[in-house]
Amino acid sequence: MRFEIMRLDDVDGTAVDSTVVDAASVNRIVQQAAAIGQRIYIRPAESSAR
């Protein structure tokens, strides 16, 4: 499964940028964000196969 992770602006919470990663990378990204106090939003990535 893949997830979209969006980095959020500290002031108003709008998405600054986003990346799509596999499930194994989510934990590492969450730990990095927590270490520096970065706000992120994680959601399942939309599947391109329909």
N, C-alpha and C. Protein backbone atom coordinates (compact mmCIF):
# COMPACT_ATOMS: atom_id res chain seq x y z
N MET A 1 0.84 -1.17 0.00
CA MET A 1 0.00 0.00 0.00
C MET A 1 0.89 1.24 0.00
N ARG A 2 0.41 2.27 -0.67
CA ARG A 2 1.17 3.52 -0.75
C ARG A 2 0.38 4.63 -0.05
N PHE A 3 1.13 5.59 0.49
CA PHE A 3 0.53 6.70 1.23
C PHE A 3 1.05 8.01 0.70
N GLU A 4 0.17 9.02 0.71
CA GLU A 4 0.58 10.38 0.38
C GLU A 4 0.85 11.09 1.70
N ILE A 5 2.01 11.69 1.81
CA ILE A 5 2.38 12.44 3.01
C ILE A 5 2.57 13.89 2.61
N MET A 6 1.79 14.76 3.24
CA MET A 6 1.87 16.19 2.95
C MET A 6 2.49 16.93 4.12
N ARG A 7 3.44 17.77 3.81
CA ARG A 7 4.05 18.63 4.82
C ARG A 7 3.17 19.87 4.93
N LEU A 8 2.80 20.24 6.16
CA LEU A 8 1.87 21.33 6.39
C LEU A 8 2.57 22.58 6.88
N ASP A 9 2.06 23.74 6.45
CA ASP A 9 2.57 25.03 6.88
C ASP A 9 2.32 25.21 8.37
N ASP A 10 3.29 25.72 9.10
CA ASP A 10 3.15 25.89 10.55
C ASP A 10 2.14 26.97 10.91
N VAL A 11 1.93 27.94 10.03
CA VAL A 11 1.05 29.06 10.36
C VAL A 11 -0.41 28.74 10.12
N ASP A 12 -0.74 28.31 8.89
CA ASP A 12 -2.15 28.11 8.58
C ASP A 12 -2.54 26.67 8.26
N GLY A 13 -1.59 25.75 8.27
CA GLY A 13 -1.89 24.34 8.09
C GLY A 13 -2.13 23.91 6.65
N THR A 14 -1.88 24.79 5.68
CA THR A 14 -2.05 24.39 4.29
C THR A 14 -0.90 23.49 3.86
N ALA A 15 -1.17 22.63 2.88
CA ALA A 15 -0.15 21.72 2.38
C ALA A 15 0.92 22.50 1.62
N VAL A 16 2.18 22.27 1.99
CA VAL A 16 3.30 22.94 1.34
C VAL A 16 3.82 22.08 0.19
N ASP A 17 3.94 20.79 0.43
CA ASP A 17 4.36 19.85 -0.60
C ASP A 17 3.89 18.46 -0.21
N SER A 18 3.99 17.52 -1.14
CA SER A 18 3.57 16.16 -0.83
C SER A 18 4.44 15.16 -1.56
N THR A 19 4.44 13.95 -1.03
CA THR A 19 5.17 12.86 -1.64
C THR A 19 4.39 11.57 -1.41
N VAL A 20 4.55 10.62 -2.31
CA VAL A 20 3.90 9.32 -2.16
C VAL A 20 4.98 8.30 -1.84
N VAL A 21 4.74 7.54 -0.76
CA VAL A 21 5.74 6.56 -0.31
C VAL A 21 5.07 5.23 -0.02
N ASP A 22 5.88 4.18 0.08
CA ASP A 22 5.34 2.88 0.44
C ASP A 22 5.18 2.80 1.96
N ALA A 23 4.43 1.82 2.41
CA ALA A 23 4.11 1.69 3.83
C ALA A 23 5.36 1.58 4.70
N ALA A 24 6.40 0.95 4.20
CA ALA A 24 7.62 0.78 4.99
C ALA A 24 8.32 2.10 5.28
N SER A 25 8.10 3.12 4.46
CA SER A 25 8.75 4.42 4.65
C SER A 25 7.99 5.35 5.57
N VAL A 26 6.72 5.06 5.84
CA VAL A 26 5.90 5.96 6.64
C VAL A 26 6.47 6.14 8.04
N ASN A 27 6.86 5.07 8.70
CA ASN A 27 7.38 5.16 10.07
C ASN A 27 8.61 6.06 10.13
N ARG A 28 9.52 5.89 9.19
CA ARG A 28 10.74 6.71 9.16
C ARG A 28 10.40 8.19 8.99
N ILE A 29 9.48 8.50 8.09
CA ILE A 29 9.10 9.89 7.85
C ILE A 29 8.40 10.49 9.06
N VAL A 30 7.55 9.72 9.71
CA VAL A 30 6.88 10.20 10.92
C VAL A 30 7.89 10.49 12.03
N GLN A 31 8.86 9.61 12.20
CA GLN A 31 9.88 9.83 13.22
C GLN A 31 10.70 11.08 12.93
N GLN A 32 11.06 11.30 11.65
CA GLN A 32 11.81 12.49 11.27
C GLN A 32 10.99 13.75 11.54
N ALA A 33 9.72 13.73 11.17
CA ALA A 33 8.86 14.89 11.39
C ALA A 33 8.70 15.18 12.89
N ALA A 34 8.54 14.15 13.69
CA ALA A 34 8.40 14.33 15.13
C ALA A 34 9.67 14.91 15.74
N ALA A 35 10.81 14.49 15.25
CA ALA A 35 12.09 14.96 15.80
C ALA A 35 12.29 16.46 15.58
N ILE A 36 11.74 17.00 14.50
CA ILE A 36 11.94 18.43 14.23
C ILE A 36 10.66 19.25 14.43
N GLY A 37 9.60 18.61 14.88
CA GLY A 37 8.35 19.31 15.15
C GLY A 37 7.60 19.71 13.89
N GLN A 38 7.78 18.97 12.83
CA GLN A 38 7.11 19.27 11.56
C GLN A 38 5.71 18.68 11.55
N ARG A 39 4.76 19.45 11.03
CA ARG A 39 3.37 18.98 10.92
C ARG A 39 3.21 18.26 9.59
N ILE A 40 2.62 17.06 9.63
CA ILE A 40 2.38 16.31 8.41
C ILE A 40 0.98 15.73 8.42
N TYR A 41 0.49 15.41 7.24
CA TYR A 41 -0.83 14.79 7.07
C TYR A 41 -0.61 13.56 6.20
N ILE A 42 -1.12 12.41 6.64
CA ILE A 42 -0.91 11.16 5.92
C ILE A 42 -2.27 10.59 5.52
N ARG A 43 -2.35 10.17 4.25
CA ARG A 43 -3.58 9.53 3.78
C ARG A 43 -3.21 8.47 2.75
N PRO A 44 -4.06 7.48 2.55
CA PRO A 44 -3.77 6.47 1.51
C PRO A 44 -3.70 7.17 0.15
N ALA A 45 -2.74 6.77 -0.65
CA ALA A 45 -2.60 7.34 -1.99
C ALA A 45 -3.64 6.71 -2.90
N GLU A 46 -4.16 7.52 -3.80
CA GLU A 46 -5.15 7.00 -4.75
C GLU A 46 -4.46 6.05 -5.71
N SER A 47 -5.14 4.98 -6.01
CA SER A 47 -4.61 4.00 -6.94
C SER A 47 -4.80 4.49 -8.37
N SER A 48 -3.78 4.35 -9.19
CA SER A 48 -3.89 4.79 -10.58
C SER A 48 -4.57 3.75 -11.44
N ALA A 49 -4.67 2.50 -10.94
CA ALA A 49 -5.32 1.42 -11.69
C ALA A 49 -6.80 1.38 -11.34
N ARG A 50 -7.65 1.72 -12.28
CA ARG A 50 -9.10 1.72 -12.04
C ARG A 50 -9.79 0.92 -13.08
